[in-house]
Amino acid sequence: MRKHKACKTIAHEQVQFIQDSIVYLYTDGHKLLKEEFRLIEAINKEDGKPLWFLTNMLDLTTAQIAYVYKQRWQIEVLFRFLKQEMNLTHFVCNHSNAIQGILYCTLIAAMLILVYKKKNGITSYKFAKTQFFKELQASVILELIETPGGFERFKLYLKYHVHKL
């Protein structure tokens, strides 16, 4: 292990950096990789817990690396929200345009629900989501029924899907 650049204790807003070292890793516990990695040791100022960052980004400062990891965590939180609250559990296609479209639609729906939640003074996201979709469904059905010939088309649609089951 060799020290990386200036290895002073660097004060930062949320973390205090203790050590920034170049390390080498082993594969299968036996073979040493030739690639260099940085192991940054820090302490969370709020709770005193140790933090370690392992990266192959050798040209960024320790603060930049901590920031990148923090942003990455925010992305993980977003995807957990999309999976748990918006039921985005899998993609129906692996094509990047399809995935992008599904993500955009899901994010738009999430924003609409958040606006609905705030506008109606609802505290629970799950309750807001349920109410929002019930109102949306009722609005669509009402629009279909009130459109000339819409009621008959809606009956045919429902009959088709009931007999399909």
N, C-alpha and C. Protein backbone atom coordinates (compact mmCIF):
# COMPACT_ATOMS: atom_id res chain seq x y z
N MET A 1 0.85 -1.17 0.00
CA MET A 1 0.00 0.00 0.00
C MET A 1 0.90 1.23 0.00
N ARG A 2 0.61 2.18 -0.90
CA ARG A 2 1.39 3.41 -0.90
C ARG A 2 0.44 4.59 -0.78
N LYS A 3 0.89 5.65 -0.20
CA LYS A 3 0.07 6.84 0.02
C LYS A 3 -0.22 7.52 -1.30
N HIS A 4 -1.40 8.12 -1.41
CA HIS A 4 -1.82 8.83 -2.62
C HIS A 4 -1.70 10.32 -2.38
N LYS A 5 -0.94 10.99 -3.21
CA LYS A 5 -0.78 12.44 -3.18
C LYS A 5 -0.60 12.95 -1.74
N ALA A 6 -1.23 14.08 -1.44
CA ALA A 6 -1.15 14.63 -0.08
C ALA A 6 -2.17 13.90 0.78
N CYS A 7 -1.73 13.23 1.78
CA CYS A 7 -2.62 12.43 2.62
C CYS A 7 -2.81 13.08 3.99
N LYS A 8 -3.21 14.30 3.99
CA LYS A 8 -3.48 15.00 5.24
C LYS A 8 -4.92 14.73 5.64
N THR A 9 -5.25 15.02 6.87
CA THR A 9 -6.64 14.97 7.28
C THR A 9 -7.32 16.21 6.74
N ILE A 10 -8.28 16.00 5.84
CA ILE A 10 -8.94 17.10 5.16
C ILE A 10 -10.34 17.27 5.75
N ALA A 11 -10.64 18.46 6.24
CA ALA A 11 -11.97 18.72 6.78
C ALA A 11 -12.94 18.96 5.64
N HIS A 12 -14.11 18.43 5.74
CA HIS A 12 -15.16 18.59 4.75
C HIS A 12 -16.45 18.80 5.51
N GLU A 13 -17.50 19.24 4.83
CA GLU A 13 -18.76 19.55 5.50
C GLU A 13 -19.31 18.38 6.33
N GLN A 14 -19.40 17.20 5.76
CA GLN A 14 -20.04 16.08 6.43
C GLN A 14 -19.08 14.97 6.83
N VAL A 15 -17.92 14.93 6.20
CA VAL A 15 -16.96 13.87 6.52
C VAL A 15 -15.59 14.47 6.77
N GLN A 16 -14.82 13.74 7.53
CA GLN A 16 -13.42 14.11 7.75
C GLN A 16 -12.59 13.00 7.14
N PHE A 17 -11.74 13.37 6.18
CA PHE A 17 -10.92 12.38 5.49
C PHE A 17 -9.69 12.09 6.33
N ILE A 18 -9.43 10.82 6.52
CA ILE A 18 -8.32 10.37 7.35
C ILE A 18 -7.14 9.91 6.50
N GLN A 19 -7.45 9.07 5.48
CA GLN A 19 -6.37 8.50 4.70
C GLN A 19 -6.83 8.29 3.26
N ASP A 20 -5.92 8.48 2.32
CA ASP A 20 -6.17 8.28 0.90
C ASP A 20 -4.98 7.48 0.37
N SER A 21 -5.22 6.20 0.10
CA SER A 21 -4.11 5.31 -0.25
C SER A 21 -4.36 4.61 -1.58
N ILE A 22 -3.26 4.25 -2.24
CA ILE A 22 -3.33 3.39 -3.42
C ILE A 22 -3.20 1.96 -2.92
N VAL A 23 -4.12 1.11 -3.37
CA VAL A 23 -4.09 -0.30 -2.96
C VAL A 23 -4.21 -1.18 -4.20
N TYR A 24 -3.84 -2.42 -4.02
CA TYR A 24 -3.96 -3.43 -5.07
C TYR A 24 -4.84 -4.54 -4.53
N LEU A 25 -5.69 -5.08 -5.39
CA LEU A 25 -6.62 -6.12 -4.97
C LEU A 25 -6.22 -7.47 -5.55
N TYR A 26 -6.71 -8.51 -4.91
CA TYR A 26 -6.48 -9.87 -5.35
C TYR A 26 -7.75 -10.44 -5.96
N THR A 27 -7.59 -11.28 -6.98
CA THR A 27 -8.73 -12.02 -7.51
C THR A 27 -8.66 -13.42 -6.95
N ASP A 28 -9.78 -13.95 -6.59
CA ASP A 28 -9.86 -15.30 -6.01
C ASP A 28 -8.93 -15.49 -4.83
N GLY A 29 -8.51 -14.41 -4.21
CA GLY A 29 -7.64 -14.49 -3.04
C GLY A 29 -6.20 -14.84 -3.34
N HIS A 30 -5.84 -15.03 -4.61
CA HIS A 30 -4.49 -15.48 -4.92
C HIS A 30 -3.74 -14.55 -5.87
N LYS A 31 -4.39 -14.17 -6.98
CA LYS A 31 -3.71 -13.43 -8.04
C LYS A 31 -3.86 -11.92 -7.80
N LEU A 32 -2.74 -11.22 -7.77
CA LEU A 32 -2.73 -9.78 -7.55
C LEU A 32 -3.05 -9.06 -8.86
N LEU A 33 -4.06 -8.17 -8.80
CA LEU A 33 -4.40 -7.36 -9.98
C LEU A 33 -3.34 -6.29 -10.19
N LYS A 34 -3.10 -5.95 -11.44
CA LYS A 34 -2.12 -4.90 -11.76
C LYS A 34 -2.74 -3.51 -11.62
N GLU A 35 -4.05 -3.44 -11.68
CA GLU A 35 -4.74 -2.15 -11.63
C GLU A 35 -4.70 -1.56 -10.23
N GLU A 36 -4.44 -0.25 -10.19
CA GLU A 36 -4.42 0.47 -8.91
C GLU A 36 -5.81 0.94 -8.54
N PHE A 37 -6.10 0.89 -7.25
CA PHE A 37 -7.36 1.41 -6.72
C PHE A 37 -7.04 2.37 -5.59
N ARG A 38 -7.97 3.27 -5.33
CA ARG A 38 -7.83 4.19 -4.20
C ARG A 38 -8.75 3.72 -3.09
N LEU A 39 -8.20 3.67 -1.91
CA LEU A 39 -8.99 3.38 -0.72
C LEU A 39 -8.94 4.63 0.14
N ILE A 40 -10.11 5.25 0.28
CA ILE A 40 -10.20 6.49 1.05
C ILE A 40 -10.93 6.18 2.35
N GLU A 41 -10.30 6.52 3.45
CA GLU A 41 -10.90 6.31 4.76
C GLU A 41 -11.36 7.66 5.29
N ALA A 42 -12.57 7.68 5.82
CA ALA A 42 -13.13 8.92 6.35
C ALA A 42 -13.99 8.60 7.56
N ILE A 43 -14.40 9.65 8.25
CA ILE A 43 -15.30 9.51 9.40
C ILE A 43 -16.48 10.45 9.18
N ASN A 44 -17.68 9.92 9.37
CA ASN A 44 -18.88 10.74 9.30
C ASN A 44 -18.90 11.66 10.52
N LYS A 45 -18.95 12.97 10.30
CA LYS A 45 -18.88 13.92 11.42
C LYS A 45 -20.11 13.86 12.33
N GLU A 46 -21.25 13.48 11.77
CA GLU A 46 -22.48 13.45 12.56
C GLU A 46 -22.48 12.36 13.62
N ASP A 47 -22.14 11.13 13.20
CA ASP A 47 -22.25 10.00 14.12
C ASP A 47 -20.92 9.32 14.44
N GLY A 48 -19.83 9.79 13.83
CA GLY A 48 -18.52 9.23 14.11
C GLY A 48 -18.26 7.88 13.47
N LYS A 49 -19.17 7.42 12.61
CA LYS A 49 -18.99 6.11 11.97
C LYS A 49 -17.94 6.21 10.87
N PRO A 50 -17.14 5.14 10.73
CA PRO A 50 -16.11 5.14 9.67
C PRO A 50 -16.75 4.91 8.30
N LEU A 51 -16.16 5.51 7.29
CA LEU A 51 -16.59 5.34 5.90
C LEU A 51 -15.36 4.96 5.09
N TRP A 52 -15.56 4.07 4.12
CA TRP A 52 -14.48 3.71 3.20
C TRP A 52 -15.01 3.83 1.79
N PHE A 53 -14.22 4.42 0.93
CA PHE A 53 -14.54 4.54 -0.48
C PHE A 53 -13.46 3.84 -1.27
N LEU A 54 -13.86 2.90 -2.12
CA LEU A 54 -12.91 2.19 -2.98
C LEU A 54 -13.25 2.57 -4.41
N THR A 55 -12.27 3.08 -5.15
CA THR A 55 -12.53 3.56 -6.50
C THR A 55 -11.30 3.39 -7.37
N ASN A 56 -11.54 3.42 -8.66
CA ASN A 56 -10.42 3.43 -9.61
C ASN A 56 -10.26 4.82 -10.23
N MET A 57 -10.98 5.81 -9.69
CA MET A 57 -10.85 7.20 -10.15
C MET A 57 -9.68 7.84 -9.42
N LEU A 58 -8.55 7.91 -10.09
CA LEU A 58 -7.34 8.39 -9.45
C LEU A 58 -7.15 9.90 -9.59
N ASP A 59 -7.89 10.52 -10.49
CA ASP A 59 -7.67 11.94 -10.76
C ASP A 59 -8.60 12.90 -10.02
N LEU A 60 -9.55 12.38 -9.23
CA LEU A 60 -10.46 13.24 -8.47
C LEU A 60 -9.94 13.45 -7.05
N THR A 61 -10.38 14.53 -6.44
CA THR A 61 -10.01 14.78 -5.04
C THR A 61 -10.85 13.88 -4.14
N THR A 62 -10.45 13.77 -2.90
CA THR A 62 -11.21 12.95 -1.95
C THR A 62 -12.63 13.51 -1.77
N ALA A 63 -12.77 14.82 -1.73
CA ALA A 63 -14.09 15.44 -1.58
C ALA A 63 -14.97 15.15 -2.80
N GLN A 64 -14.37 15.16 -3.99
CA GLN A 64 -15.15 14.85 -5.19
C GLN A 64 -15.62 13.40 -5.18
N ILE A 65 -14.77 12.51 -4.73
CA ILE A 65 -15.14 11.09 -4.66
C ILE A 65 -16.28 10.89 -3.66
N ALA A 66 -16.18 11.53 -2.51
CA ALA A 66 -17.26 11.44 -1.51
C ALA A 66 -18.56 11.98 -2.09
N TYR A 67 -18.48 13.08 -2.84
CA TYR A 67 -19.66 13.67 -3.46
C TYR A 67 -20.28 12.71 -4.48
N VAL A 68 -19.44 12.08 -5.31
CA VAL A 68 -19.93 11.13 -6.30
C VAL A 68 -20.66 9.97 -5.61
N TYR A 69 -20.09 9.44 -4.54
CA TYR A 69 -20.73 8.35 -3.82
C TYR A 69 -22.04 8.81 -3.20
N LYS A 70 -22.08 10.02 -2.69
CA LYS A 70 -23.31 10.55 -2.11
C LYS A 70 -24.40 10.67 -3.17
N GLN A 71 -24.05 11.16 -4.36
CA GLN A 71 -25.02 11.27 -5.45
C GLN A 71 -25.47 9.89 -5.90
N ARG A 72 -24.56 8.95 -5.91
CA ARG A 72 -24.92 7.58 -6.29
C ARG A 72 -25.94 7.02 -5.32
N TRP A 73 -25.78 7.33 -4.04
CA TRP A 73 -26.72 6.86 -3.03
C TRP A 73 -28.10 7.48 -3.29
N GLN A 74 -28.16 8.74 -3.69
CA GLN A 74 -29.44 9.39 -3.99
C GLN A 74 -30.13 8.67 -5.16
N ILE A 75 -29.35 8.22 -6.13
CA ILE A 75 -29.91 7.49 -7.26
C ILE A 75 -30.49 6.16 -6.77
N GLU A 76 -29.78 5.50 -5.86
CA GLU A 76 -30.28 4.24 -5.28
C GLU A 76 -31.60 4.47 -4.55
N VAL A 77 -31.71 5.57 -3.82
CA VAL A 77 -32.94 5.91 -3.11
C VAL A 77 -34.07 6.12 -4.10
N LEU A 78 -33.77 6.83 -5.20
CA LEU A 78 -34.78 7.06 -6.23
C LEU A 78 -35.27 5.74 -6.81
N PHE A 79 -34.36 4.83 -7.14
CA PHE A 79 -34.77 3.56 -7.73
C PHE A 79 -35.53 2.70 -6.72
N ARG A 80 -35.18 2.77 -5.45
CA ARG A 80 -35.94 2.05 -4.43
C ARG A 80 -37.38 2.59 -4.39
N PHE A 81 -37.51 3.93 -4.46
CA PHE A 81 -38.84 4.55 -4.50
C PHE A 81 -39.62 4.07 -5.72
N LEU A 82 -38.98 4.08 -6.89
CA LEU A 82 -39.67 3.66 -8.11
C LEU A 82 -40.10 2.19 -8.03
N LYS A 83 -39.29 1.36 -7.42
CA LYS A 83 -39.63 -0.06 -7.30
C LYS A 83 -40.73 -0.29 -6.27
N GLN A 84 -40.60 0.33 -5.10
CA GLN A 84 -41.54 0.07 -4.01
C GLN A 84 -42.85 0.82 -4.17
N GLU A 85 -42.78 2.09 -4.49
CA GLU A 85 -43.99 2.91 -4.52
C GLU A 85 -44.66 2.95 -5.89
N MET A 86 -43.88 2.84 -6.95
CA MET A 86 -44.44 2.94 -8.30
C MET A 86 -44.49 1.59 -9.00
N ASN A 87 -44.16 0.52 -8.28
CA ASN A 87 -44.25 -0.86 -8.80
C ASN A 87 -43.44 -1.08 -10.08
N LEU A 88 -42.33 -0.40 -10.20
CA LEU A 88 -41.45 -0.57 -11.35
C LEU A 88 -40.48 -1.71 -11.01
N THR A 89 -40.95 -2.94 -11.20
CA THR A 89 -40.15 -4.08 -10.77
C THR A 89 -39.32 -4.70 -11.90
N HIS A 90 -39.77 -4.53 -13.12
CA HIS A 90 -38.99 -5.06 -14.24
C HIS A 90 -39.34 -4.29 -15.51
N PHE A 91 -38.46 -4.38 -16.47
CA PHE A 91 -38.68 -3.76 -17.76
C PHE A 91 -39.16 -4.83 -18.73
N VAL A 92 -40.12 -4.47 -19.57
CA VAL A 92 -40.65 -5.45 -20.52
C VAL A 92 -39.76 -5.62 -21.74
N CYS A 93 -38.78 -4.75 -21.87
CA CYS A 93 -37.89 -4.78 -23.03
C CYS A 93 -36.51 -4.28 -22.60
N ASN A 94 -35.48 -4.76 -23.23
CA ASN A 94 -34.12 -4.31 -22.90
C ASN A 94 -33.63 -3.19 -23.80
N HIS A 95 -34.44 -2.73 -24.71
CA HIS A 95 -34.05 -1.65 -25.62
C HIS A 95 -33.98 -0.34 -24.84
N SER A 96 -32.93 0.42 -25.04
CA SER A 96 -32.73 1.64 -24.25
C SER A 96 -33.86 2.65 -24.42
N ASN A 97 -34.43 2.76 -25.62
CA ASN A 97 -35.55 3.69 -25.83
C ASN A 97 -36.78 3.24 -25.04
N ALA A 98 -37.04 1.95 -25.00
CA ALA A 98 -38.19 1.44 -24.24
C ALA A 98 -37.99 1.69 -22.75
N ILE A 99 -36.79 1.42 -22.25
CA ILE A 99 -36.49 1.64 -20.83
C ILE A 99 -36.63 3.12 -20.50
N GLN A 100 -36.11 3.97 -21.36
CA GLN A 100 -36.21 5.41 -21.15
C GLN A 100 -37.68 5.86 -21.12
N GLY A 101 -38.49 5.35 -22.04
CA GLY A 101 -39.91 5.68 -22.08
C GLY A 101 -40.64 5.25 -20.81
N ILE A 102 -40.35 4.03 -20.35
CA ILE A 102 -40.98 3.53 -19.13
C ILE A 102 -40.56 4.38 -17.93
N LEU A 103 -39.29 4.72 -17.87
CA LEU A 103 -38.82 5.56 -16.75
C LEU A 103 -39.47 6.94 -16.78
N TYR A 104 -39.56 7.55 -17.97
CA TYR A 104 -40.19 8.87 -18.07
C TYR A 104 -41.65 8.79 -17.63
N CYS A 105 -42.38 7.80 -18.12
CA CYS A 105 -43.80 7.66 -17.75
C CYS A 105 -43.95 7.45 -16.25
N THR A 106 -43.09 6.63 -15.68
CA THR A 106 -43.15 6.37 -14.25
C THR A 106 -42.84 7.63 -13.45
N LEU A 107 -41.83 8.38 -13.87
CA LEU A 107 -41.48 9.62 -13.17
C LEU A 107 -42.59 10.66 -13.30
N ILE A 108 -43.23 10.75 -14.47
CA ILE A 108 -44.34 11.69 -14.64
C ILE A 108 -45.50 11.29 -13.73
N ALA A 109 -45.81 9.99 -13.68
CA ALA A 109 -46.89 9.52 -12.79
C ALA A 109 -46.54 9.83 -11.33
N ALA A 110 -45.29 9.61 -10.94
CA ALA A 110 -44.87 9.89 -9.56
C ALA A 110 -45.03 11.38 -9.23
N MET A 111 -44.66 12.24 -10.18
CA MET A 111 -44.81 13.68 -9.95
C MET A 111 -46.28 14.08 -9.85
N LEU A 112 -47.13 13.51 -10.71
CA LEU A 112 -48.56 13.80 -10.64
C LEU A 112 -49.14 13.38 -9.29
N ILE A 113 -48.71 12.24 -8.81
CA ILE A 113 -49.20 11.76 -7.50
C ILE A 113 -48.71 12.68 -6.39
N LEU A 114 -47.46 13.11 -6.46
CA LEU A 114 -46.93 14.03 -5.44
C LEU A 114 -47.69 15.36 -5.44
N VAL A 115 -48.00 15.87 -6.62
CA VAL A 115 -48.78 17.11 -6.71
C VAL A 115 -50.18 16.88 -6.14
N TYR A 116 -50.80 15.77 -6.51
CA TYR A 116 -52.13 15.41 -6.00
C TYR A 116 -52.11 15.30 -4.48
N LYS A 117 -51.08 14.65 -3.96
CA LYS A 117 -50.92 14.46 -2.51
C LYS A 117 -50.86 15.81 -1.80
N LYS A 118 -50.03 16.70 -2.33
CA LYS A 118 -49.87 18.01 -1.70
C LYS A 118 -51.15 18.84 -1.82
N LYS A 119 -51.74 18.85 -3.00
CA LYS A 119 -52.94 19.64 -3.25
C LYS A 119 -54.10 19.22 -2.35
N ASN A 120 -54.18 17.93 -2.05
CA ASN A 120 -55.29 17.40 -1.25
C ASN A 120 -54.93 17.22 0.22
N GLY A 121 -53.75 17.65 0.61
CA GLY A 121 -53.35 17.57 2.01
C GLY A 121 -53.25 16.15 2.55
N ILE A 122 -52.86 15.23 1.69
CA ILE A 122 -52.74 13.82 2.07
C ILE A 122 -51.33 13.57 2.59
N THR A 123 -51.22 12.87 3.70
CA THR A 123 -49.89 12.62 4.27
C THR A 123 -49.26 11.33 3.78
N SER A 124 -50.07 10.34 3.45
CA SER A 124 -49.57 9.04 3.03
C SER A 124 -49.42 8.98 1.51
N TYR A 125 -48.23 8.60 1.04
CA TYR A 125 -48.02 8.48 -0.40
C TYR A 125 -48.87 7.36 -0.97
N LYS A 126 -48.96 6.23 -0.26
CA LYS A 126 -49.73 5.09 -0.76
C LYS A 126 -51.21 5.44 -0.90
N PHE A 127 -51.75 6.17 0.10
CA PHE A 127 -53.15 6.58 0.03
C PHE A 127 -53.36 7.55 -1.12
N ALA A 128 -52.44 8.49 -1.30
CA ALA A 128 -52.53 9.46 -2.40
C ALA A 128 -52.51 8.74 -3.74
N LYS A 129 -51.64 7.74 -3.86
CA LYS A 129 -51.54 6.99 -5.11
C LYS A 129 -52.85 6.26 -5.40
N THR A 130 -53.41 5.63 -4.40
CA THR A 130 -54.67 4.90 -4.57
C THR A 130 -55.80 5.85 -4.97
N GLN A 131 -55.92 6.95 -4.25
CA GLN A 131 -56.98 7.92 -4.55
C GLN A 131 -56.80 8.54 -5.92
N PHE A 132 -55.56 8.88 -6.26
CA PHE A 132 -55.27 9.48 -7.56
C PHE A 132 -55.71 8.56 -8.69
N PHE A 133 -55.35 7.28 -8.61
CA PHE A 133 -55.69 6.36 -9.69
C PHE A 133 -57.18 6.05 -9.73
N LYS A 134 -57.86 6.04 -8.57
CA LYS A 134 -59.31 5.87 -8.56
C LYS A 134 -59.99 7.04 -9.26
N GLU A 135 -59.56 8.26 -8.94
CA GLU A 135 -60.13 9.45 -9.58
C GLU A 135 -59.83 9.47 -11.07
N LEU A 136 -58.62 9.09 -11.45
CA LEU A 136 -58.24 9.06 -12.86
C LEU A 136 -59.09 8.05 -13.61
N GLN A 137 -59.25 6.88 -13.03
CA GLN A 137 -60.06 5.83 -13.66
C GLN A 137 -61.51 6.30 -13.81
N ALA A 138 -62.05 6.90 -12.76
CA ALA A 138 -63.44 7.39 -12.82
C ALA A 138 -63.58 8.48 -13.87
N SER A 139 -62.60 9.36 -13.97
CA SER A 139 -62.65 10.44 -14.97
C SER A 139 -62.63 9.89 -16.39
N VAL A 140 -61.80 8.89 -16.62
CA VAL A 140 -61.73 8.28 -17.96
C VAL A 140 -63.05 7.60 -18.29
N ILE A 141 -63.60 6.84 -17.35
CA ILE A 141 -64.88 6.15 -17.58
C ILE A 141 -65.99 7.17 -17.83
N LEU A 142 -66.04 8.23 -17.04
CA LEU A 142 -67.05 9.26 -17.21
C LEU A 142 -66.93 9.92 -18.59
N GLU A 143 -65.69 10.19 -19.00
CA GLU A 143 -65.47 10.79 -20.32
C GLU A 143 -65.96 9.85 -21.42
N LEU A 144 -65.70 8.55 -21.28
CA LEU A 144 -66.16 7.58 -22.27
C LEU A 144 -67.68 7.53 -22.34
N ILE A 145 -68.32 7.52 -21.19
CA ILE A 145 -69.77 7.42 -21.14
C ILE A 145 -70.43 8.67 -21.72
N GLU A 146 -69.86 9.83 -21.46
CA GLU A 146 -70.46 11.08 -21.92
C GLU A 146 -70.18 11.39 -23.39
N THR A 147 -69.23 10.71 -23.99
CA THR A 147 -68.93 10.90 -25.41
C THR A 147 -70.01 10.21 -26.24
N PRO A 148 -70.52 10.87 -27.31
CA PRO A 148 -71.55 10.23 -28.15
C PRO A 148 -71.10 8.84 -28.62
N GLY A 149 -71.93 7.85 -28.35
CA GLY A 149 -71.62 6.46 -28.70
C GLY A 149 -70.59 5.83 -27.78
N GLY A 150 -70.09 6.58 -26.84
CA GLY A 150 -69.04 6.08 -25.94
C GLY A 150 -69.52 5.00 -25.00
N PHE A 151 -70.76 5.13 -24.54
CA PHE A 151 -71.30 4.14 -23.60
C PHE A 151 -71.39 2.76 -24.24
N GLU A 152 -71.89 2.73 -25.49
CA GLU A 152 -71.99 1.45 -26.19
C GLU A 152 -70.61 0.84 -26.45
N ARG A 153 -69.66 1.68 -26.85
CA ARG A 153 -68.29 1.18 -27.07
C ARG A 153 -67.67 0.68 -25.77
N PHE A 154 -67.95 1.38 -24.68
CA PHE A 154 -67.41 0.97 -23.37
C PHE A 154 -68.01 -0.36 -22.95
N LYS A 155 -69.34 -0.56 -23.19
CA LYS A 155 -69.97 -1.85 -22.87
C LYS A 155 -69.34 -2.97 -23.67
N LEU A 156 -69.11 -2.74 -24.96
CA LEU A 156 -68.47 -3.76 -25.80
C LEU A 156 -67.07 -4.08 -25.31
N TYR A 157 -66.35 -3.06 -24.93
CA TYR A 157 -65.00 -3.24 -24.41
C TYR A 157 -65.02 -4.10 -23.15
N LEU A 158 -65.92 -3.77 -22.22
CA LEU A 158 -66.02 -4.54 -20.98
C LEU A 158 -66.45 -5.98 -21.24
N LYS A 159 -67.43 -6.18 -22.14
CA LYS A 159 -67.88 -7.54 -22.47
C LYS A 159 -66.74 -8.35 -23.06
N TYR A 160 -65.97 -7.72 -23.95
CA TYR A 160 -64.86 -8.40 -24.58
C TYR A 160 -63.87 -8.88 -23.53
N HIS A 161 -63.52 -8.01 -22.58
CA HIS A 161 -62.53 -8.37 -21.58
C HIS A 161 -63.07 -9.32 -20.51
N VAL A 162 -64.37 -9.27 -20.24
CA VAL A 162 -64.96 -10.22 -19.28
C VAL A 162 -64.96 -11.61 -19.90
N HIS A 163 -65.34 -11.73 -21.18
CA HIS A 163 -65.37 -13.04 -21.83
C HIS A 163 -63.99 -13.58 -22.10
N LYS A 164 -63.01 -12.69 -22.19
CA LYS A 164 -61.62 -13.09 -22.43
C LYS A 164 -61.03 -13.78 -21.21
N LEU A 165 -61.52 -13.40 -20.01
CA LEU A 165 -61.02 -14.01 -18.78
C LEU A 165 -61.52 -15.41 -18.69
